[in-house]
Amino acid sequence: MNYLRTTLATDWTEGQAPEGMFVRLLKTFVPEANPGYDNKMHLIREWYLEFDTDENPWREIGLDARGAPVIAGPSNNDYGFWLDTNMKRDDFEGDPITQAEFEQKWTETGVSVPE
């Protein structure tokens, strides 16, 4: 496993997610992958990512401007923003972090990986 800190996808604005009639209708019939992320993406200023041995995102933590965890996945309710992509480690820009740094923030989220 390796770990990364990145600021990719931290430029959301509040209310940016589309909420037109089609989107509301779609949400009625298709379960959302990350319902706990709604209305929180605009708060994210940095991501901590863990990658598995195949270089796929495995766990993620979205941090606010103070460095406090705002969202994390996967969880029992949320699959994960980066986990729902086909991106590999080489597709990300950022700085390496230690496993200990990641695990400390993960503990702060209170999330346990679903079984």
N, C-alpha and C. Protein backbone atom coordinates (compact mmCIF):
# COMPACT_ATOMS: atom_id res chain seq x y z
N MET A 1 0.85 -1.18 0.00
CA MET A 1 0.00 0.00 0.00
C MET A 1 0.89 1.24 0.00
N ASN A 2 0.43 2.26 -0.69
CA ASN A 2 1.10 3.54 -0.55
C ASN A 2 0.05 4.63 -0.39
N TYR A 3 0.52 5.80 0.04
CA TYR A 3 -0.37 6.85 0.52
C TYR A 3 0.02 8.18 -0.10
N LEU A 4 -0.98 9.03 -0.33
CA LEU A 4 -0.77 10.28 -1.04
C LEU A 4 -1.68 11.36 -0.47
N ARG A 5 -1.17 12.58 -0.50
CA ARG A 5 -1.95 13.79 -0.18
C ARG A 5 -2.08 14.55 -1.50
N THR A 6 -3.30 14.94 -1.86
CA THR A 6 -3.51 15.66 -3.11
C THR A 6 -4.57 16.75 -2.94
N THR A 7 -4.50 17.74 -3.83
CA THR A 7 -5.52 18.79 -3.86
C THR A 7 -6.38 18.68 -5.13
N LEU A 8 -6.28 17.56 -5.83
CA LEU A 8 -7.15 17.34 -6.98
C LEU A 8 -8.61 17.33 -6.52
N ALA A 9 -9.49 17.83 -7.36
CA ALA A 9 -10.94 17.84 -7.08
C ALA A 9 -11.28 18.53 -5.77
N THR A 10 -10.65 19.67 -5.54
CA THR A 10 -10.96 20.46 -4.34
C THR A 10 -11.52 21.83 -4.71
N ASP A 11 -12.00 21.95 -5.94
CA ASP A 11 -12.48 23.24 -6.41
C ASP A 11 -14.01 23.28 -6.59
N TRP A 12 -14.71 22.45 -5.86
CA TRP A 12 -16.17 22.45 -5.91
C TRP A 12 -16.69 23.71 -5.22
N THR A 13 -17.82 24.19 -5.68
CA THR A 13 -18.48 25.30 -5.01
C THR A 13 -19.75 24.78 -4.35
N GLU A 14 -20.20 25.47 -3.34
CA GLU A 14 -21.40 25.02 -2.62
C GLU A 14 -22.58 24.97 -3.58
N GLY A 15 -23.32 23.88 -3.52
CA GLY A 15 -24.48 23.72 -4.39
C GLY A 15 -24.14 23.41 -5.83
N GLN A 16 -22.89 23.05 -6.11
CA GLN A 16 -22.48 22.81 -7.49
C GLN A 16 -23.14 21.59 -8.11
N ALA A 17 -23.45 20.59 -7.33
CA ALA A 17 -24.06 19.38 -7.88
C ALA A 17 -25.37 19.74 -8.56
N PRO A 18 -25.62 19.21 -9.76
CA PRO A 18 -26.85 19.52 -10.47
C PRO A 18 -28.06 18.96 -9.75
N GLU A 19 -29.12 19.71 -9.72
CA GLU A 19 -30.34 19.27 -9.04
C GLU A 19 -31.56 19.51 -9.91
N GLY A 20 -31.41 19.40 -11.22
CA GLY A 20 -32.55 19.57 -12.11
C GLY A 20 -33.55 18.44 -11.97
N MET A 21 -34.68 18.55 -12.69
CA MET A 21 -35.72 17.55 -12.59
C MET A 21 -35.22 16.17 -13.01
N PHE A 22 -34.41 16.09 -14.05
CA PHE A 22 -33.89 14.80 -14.50
C PHE A 22 -33.03 14.15 -13.41
N VAL A 23 -32.19 14.94 -12.76
CA VAL A 23 -31.33 14.40 -11.70
C VAL A 23 -32.16 13.91 -10.54
N ARG A 24 -33.17 14.67 -10.14
CA ARG A 24 -34.04 14.23 -9.04
C ARG A 24 -34.77 12.94 -9.40
N LEU A 25 -35.24 12.85 -10.65
CA LEU A 25 -35.91 11.64 -11.11
C LEU A 25 -34.95 10.46 -11.11
N LEU A 26 -33.74 10.66 -11.60
CA LEU A 26 -32.73 9.61 -11.64
C LEU A 26 -32.41 9.11 -10.23
N LYS A 27 -32.28 10.03 -9.28
CA LYS A 27 -31.98 9.65 -7.89
C LYS A 27 -33.10 8.81 -7.28
N THR A 28 -34.31 8.99 -7.79
CA THR A 28 -35.44 8.22 -7.30
C THR A 28 -35.30 6.75 -7.65
N PHE A 29 -34.74 6.46 -8.82
CA PHE A 29 -34.66 5.09 -9.31
C PHE A 29 -33.28 4.45 -9.21
N VAL A 30 -32.25 5.25 -9.11
CA VAL A 30 -30.88 4.73 -9.05
C VAL A 30 -30.27 5.14 -7.71
N PRO A 31 -29.87 4.17 -6.90
CA PRO A 31 -29.27 4.54 -5.61
C PRO A 31 -27.96 5.29 -5.82
N GLU A 32 -27.77 6.28 -5.00
CA GLU A 32 -26.55 7.08 -5.05
C GLU A 32 -25.38 6.34 -4.41
N ALA A 33 -24.20 6.45 -5.02
CA ALA A 33 -23.01 5.76 -4.50
C ALA A 33 -22.47 6.43 -3.24
N ASN A 34 -22.68 7.74 -3.10
CA ASN A 34 -22.10 8.49 -1.99
C ASN A 34 -23.08 9.49 -1.38
N PRO A 35 -24.17 9.02 -0.80
CA PRO A 35 -25.15 9.97 -0.26
C PRO A 35 -24.59 10.83 0.87
N GLY A 36 -23.63 10.33 1.64
CA GLY A 36 -23.04 11.10 2.72
C GLY A 36 -22.11 12.21 2.24
N TYR A 37 -21.77 12.20 0.96
CA TYR A 37 -20.89 13.22 0.40
C TYR A 37 -21.68 14.44 -0.07
N ASP A 38 -23.00 14.27 -0.27
CA ASP A 38 -23.83 15.38 -0.73
C ASP A 38 -23.64 16.60 0.16
N ASN A 39 -23.57 17.75 -0.45
CA ASN A 39 -23.45 19.03 0.25
C ASN A 39 -22.19 19.15 1.10
N LYS A 40 -21.18 18.31 0.85
CA LYS A 40 -19.92 18.41 1.59
C LYS A 40 -18.72 18.58 0.68
N MET A 41 -18.86 18.30 -0.61
CA MET A 41 -17.71 18.34 -1.52
C MET A 41 -17.07 19.73 -1.56
N HIS A 42 -17.86 20.77 -1.42
CA HIS A 42 -17.31 22.13 -1.46
C HIS A 42 -16.41 22.43 -0.25
N LEU A 43 -16.49 21.62 0.80
CA LEU A 43 -15.67 21.83 1.99
C LEU A 43 -14.27 21.22 1.86
N ILE A 44 -14.09 20.32 0.89
CA ILE A 44 -12.83 19.57 0.76
C ILE A 44 -11.74 20.46 0.18
N ARG A 45 -10.61 20.51 0.90
CA ARG A 45 -9.44 21.26 0.46
C ARG A 45 -8.23 20.36 0.20
N GLU A 46 -8.36 19.10 0.63
CA GLU A 46 -7.25 18.17 0.46
C GLU A 46 -7.81 16.74 0.63
N TRP A 47 -7.20 15.81 -0.07
CA TRP A 47 -7.55 14.40 0.05
C TRP A 47 -6.35 13.62 0.55
N TYR A 48 -6.60 12.65 1.40
CA TYR A 48 -5.63 11.61 1.74
C TYR A 48 -6.13 10.34 1.06
N LEU A 49 -5.25 9.69 0.31
CA LEU A 49 -5.63 8.49 -0.42
C LEU A 49 -4.72 7.33 -0.06
N GLU A 50 -5.31 6.16 0.03
CA GLU A 50 -4.56 4.92 0.19
C GLU A 50 -4.78 4.10 -1.08
N PHE A 51 -3.71 3.53 -1.61
CA PHE A 51 -3.78 2.72 -2.82
C PHE A 51 -3.46 1.28 -2.50
N ASP A 52 -4.18 0.36 -3.14
CA ASP A 52 -3.94 -1.07 -2.92
C ASP A 52 -2.72 -1.53 -3.73
N THR A 53 -2.42 -2.81 -3.68
CA THR A 53 -1.23 -3.34 -4.35
C THR A 53 -1.33 -3.27 -5.88
N ASP A 54 -2.55 -3.09 -6.41
CA ASP A 54 -2.73 -2.92 -7.85
C ASP A 54 -2.76 -1.45 -8.26
N GLU A 55 -2.44 -0.56 -7.28
CA GLU A 55 -2.38 0.89 -7.52
C GLU A 55 -3.75 1.54 -7.70
N ASN A 56 -4.81 0.89 -7.24
CA ASN A 56 -6.16 1.46 -7.27
C ASN A 56 -6.43 2.19 -5.96
N PRO A 57 -7.19 3.28 -5.98
CA PRO A 57 -7.59 3.90 -4.72
C PRO A 57 -8.35 2.88 -3.88
N TRP A 58 -8.01 2.77 -2.60
CA TRP A 58 -8.60 1.78 -1.71
C TRP A 58 -9.42 2.44 -0.60
N ARG A 59 -8.86 3.50 0.00
CA ARG A 59 -9.59 4.30 0.99
C ARG A 59 -9.28 5.76 0.71
N GLU A 60 -10.19 6.64 1.11
CA GLU A 60 -10.03 8.08 0.88
C GLU A 60 -10.59 8.86 2.05
N ILE A 61 -9.97 10.01 2.28
CA ILE A 61 -10.43 10.92 3.32
C ILE A 61 -10.42 12.33 2.72
N GLY A 62 -11.55 13.02 2.77
CA GLY A 62 -11.62 14.40 2.35
C GLY A 62 -11.47 15.30 3.57
N LEU A 63 -10.50 16.22 3.51
CA LEU A 63 -10.20 17.10 4.65
C LEU A 63 -10.60 18.54 4.34
N ASP A 64 -11.03 19.25 5.36
CA ASP A 64 -11.38 20.66 5.20
C ASP A 64 -10.15 21.55 5.34
N ALA A 65 -10.35 22.85 5.32
CA ALA A 65 -9.25 23.81 5.37
C ALA A 65 -8.43 23.72 6.66
N ARG A 66 -9.02 23.20 7.74
CA ARG A 66 -8.31 23.04 9.01
C ARG A 66 -7.61 21.69 9.11
N GLY A 67 -7.81 20.82 8.09
CA GLY A 67 -7.23 19.48 8.13
C GLY A 67 -8.10 18.47 8.84
N ALA A 68 -9.34 18.83 9.12
CA ALA A 68 -10.26 17.92 9.79
C ALA A 68 -11.00 17.07 8.75
N PRO A 69 -11.17 15.78 9.00
CA PRO A 69 -11.91 14.93 8.08
C PRO A 69 -13.37 15.36 7.95
N VAL A 70 -13.84 15.43 6.72
CA VAL A 70 -15.23 15.79 6.44
C VAL A 70 -15.98 14.58 5.88
N ILE A 71 -15.32 13.83 5.00
CA ILE A 71 -15.91 12.64 4.39
C ILE A 71 -14.84 11.56 4.31
N ALA A 72 -15.28 10.31 4.24
CA ALA A 72 -14.34 9.20 4.11
C ALA A 72 -15.06 8.00 3.50
N GLY A 73 -14.32 7.27 2.70
CA GLY A 73 -14.91 6.07 2.11
C GLY A 73 -13.84 5.07 1.75
N PRO A 74 -14.22 3.83 1.61
CA PRO A 74 -15.60 3.39 1.64
C PRO A 74 -16.12 3.24 3.07
N SER A 75 -17.42 3.34 3.18
CA SER A 75 -18.09 3.14 4.46
C SER A 75 -19.36 2.34 4.20
N ASN A 76 -20.15 2.12 5.22
CA ASN A 76 -21.40 1.41 5.01
C ASN A 76 -22.39 2.21 4.16
N ASN A 77 -22.22 3.53 4.11
CA ASN A 77 -23.15 4.38 3.34
C ASN A 77 -22.56 4.93 2.05
N ASP A 78 -21.25 5.05 1.98
CA ASP A 78 -20.61 5.71 0.84
C ASP A 78 -19.53 4.83 0.24
N TYR A 79 -19.56 4.73 -1.09
CA TYR A 79 -18.55 3.94 -1.78
C TYR A 79 -17.22 4.67 -1.83
N GLY A 80 -17.26 5.96 -2.17
CA GLY A 80 -16.05 6.77 -2.26
C GLY A 80 -15.94 7.48 -3.59
N PHE A 81 -15.55 8.73 -3.56
CA PHE A 81 -15.42 9.55 -4.76
C PHE A 81 -14.34 9.00 -5.69
N TRP A 82 -13.12 8.84 -5.20
CA TRP A 82 -12.00 8.36 -6.01
C TRP A 82 -12.11 6.87 -6.28
N LEU A 83 -12.71 6.13 -5.38
CA LEU A 83 -12.87 4.70 -5.58
C LEU A 83 -13.82 4.40 -6.73
N ASP A 84 -14.65 5.36 -7.06
CA ASP A 84 -15.64 5.21 -8.13
C ASP A 84 -15.08 5.66 -9.47
N THR A 85 -13.76 5.69 -9.61
CA THR A 85 -13.11 6.05 -10.88
C THR A 85 -12.25 4.87 -11.32
N ASN A 86 -11.72 4.97 -12.52
CA ASN A 86 -10.78 3.95 -12.99
C ASN A 86 -9.35 4.48 -12.92
N MET A 87 -9.12 5.48 -12.09
CA MET A 87 -7.79 6.08 -11.96
C MET A 87 -6.86 5.17 -11.17
N LYS A 88 -5.59 5.23 -11.53
CA LYS A 88 -4.53 4.49 -10.84
C LYS A 88 -3.62 5.51 -10.15
N ARG A 89 -2.72 5.04 -9.33
CA ARG A 89 -1.80 5.90 -8.57
C ARG A 89 -1.08 6.90 -9.47
N ASP A 90 -0.62 6.46 -10.63
CA ASP A 90 0.13 7.35 -11.54
C ASP A 90 -0.72 8.48 -12.11
N ASP A 91 -2.04 8.39 -12.01
CA ASP A 91 -2.92 9.45 -12.51
C ASP A 91 -3.05 10.61 -11.53
N PHE A 92 -2.52 10.45 -10.33
CA PHE A 92 -2.66 11.46 -9.28
C PHE A 92 -1.40 12.28 -9.13
N GLU A 93 -1.58 13.57 -8.84
CA GLU A 93 -0.49 14.46 -8.47
C GLU A 93 -0.62 14.71 -6.97
N GLY A 94 0.50 14.81 -6.30
CA GLY A 94 0.46 15.10 -4.88
C GLY A 94 1.73 14.69 -4.20
N ASP A 95 1.70 14.70 -2.90
CA ASP A 95 2.87 14.37 -2.09
C ASP A 95 2.63 13.09 -1.31
N PRO A 96 3.64 12.25 -1.21
CA PRO A 96 3.48 11.04 -0.40
C PRO A 96 3.29 11.39 1.08
N ILE A 97 2.52 10.56 1.75
CA ILE A 97 2.39 10.65 3.19
C ILE A 97 2.65 9.25 3.75
N THR A 98 2.85 9.18 5.05
CA THR A 98 3.12 7.89 5.66
C THR A 98 1.82 7.16 5.97
N GLN A 99 1.93 5.88 6.17
CA GLN A 99 0.79 5.09 6.58
C GLN A 99 0.26 5.60 7.92
N ALA A 100 1.17 5.98 8.81
CA ALA A 100 0.77 6.49 10.12
C ALA A 100 -0.07 7.76 9.99
N GLU A 101 0.32 8.68 9.09
CA GLU A 101 -0.46 9.90 8.87
C GLU A 101 -1.86 9.56 8.39
N PHE A 102 -1.92 8.66 7.42
CA PHE A 102 -3.23 8.27 6.90
C PHE A 102 -4.08 7.62 7.98
N GLU A 103 -3.51 6.68 8.70
CA GLU A 103 -4.26 5.95 9.72
C GLU A 103 -4.76 6.86 10.84
N GLN A 104 -3.96 7.87 11.19
CA GLN A 104 -4.42 8.81 12.22
C GLN A 104 -5.67 9.54 11.76
N LYS A 105 -5.65 10.05 10.53
CA LYS A 105 -6.83 10.74 10.00
C LYS A 105 -8.01 9.78 9.84
N TRP A 106 -7.71 8.54 9.39
CA TRP A 106 -8.78 7.56 9.23
C TRP A 106 -9.46 7.29 10.57
N THR A 107 -8.68 7.18 11.62
CA THR A 107 -9.23 6.96 12.96
C THR A 107 -10.14 8.13 13.34
N GLU A 108 -9.73 9.35 13.00
CA GLU A 108 -10.53 10.53 13.30
C GLU A 108 -11.90 10.51 12.59
N THR A 109 -11.99 9.84 11.46
CA THR A 109 -13.26 9.80 10.71
C THR A 109 -14.31 8.96 11.42
N GLY A 110 -13.85 7.96 12.20
CA GLY A 110 -14.78 7.06 12.85
C GLY A 110 -15.37 6.01 11.92
N VAL A 111 -14.89 5.95 10.70
CA VAL A 111 -15.39 5.02 9.70
C VAL A 111 -14.62 3.71 9.79
N SER A 112 -15.35 2.61 9.68
CA SER A 112 -14.69 1.31 9.52
C SER A 112 -15.02 0.80 8.13
N VAL A 113 -14.05 0.15 7.51
CA VAL A 113 -14.25 -0.35 6.14
C VAL A 113 -15.30 -1.44 6.19
N PRO A 114 -16.32 -1.35 5.31
CA PRO A 114 -17.35 -2.38 5.31
C PRO A 114 -16.78 -3.75 4.96
N GLU A 115 -17.39 -4.77 5.52
CA GLU A 115 -16.91 -6.14 5.26
C GLU A 115 -17.58 -6.72 4.04
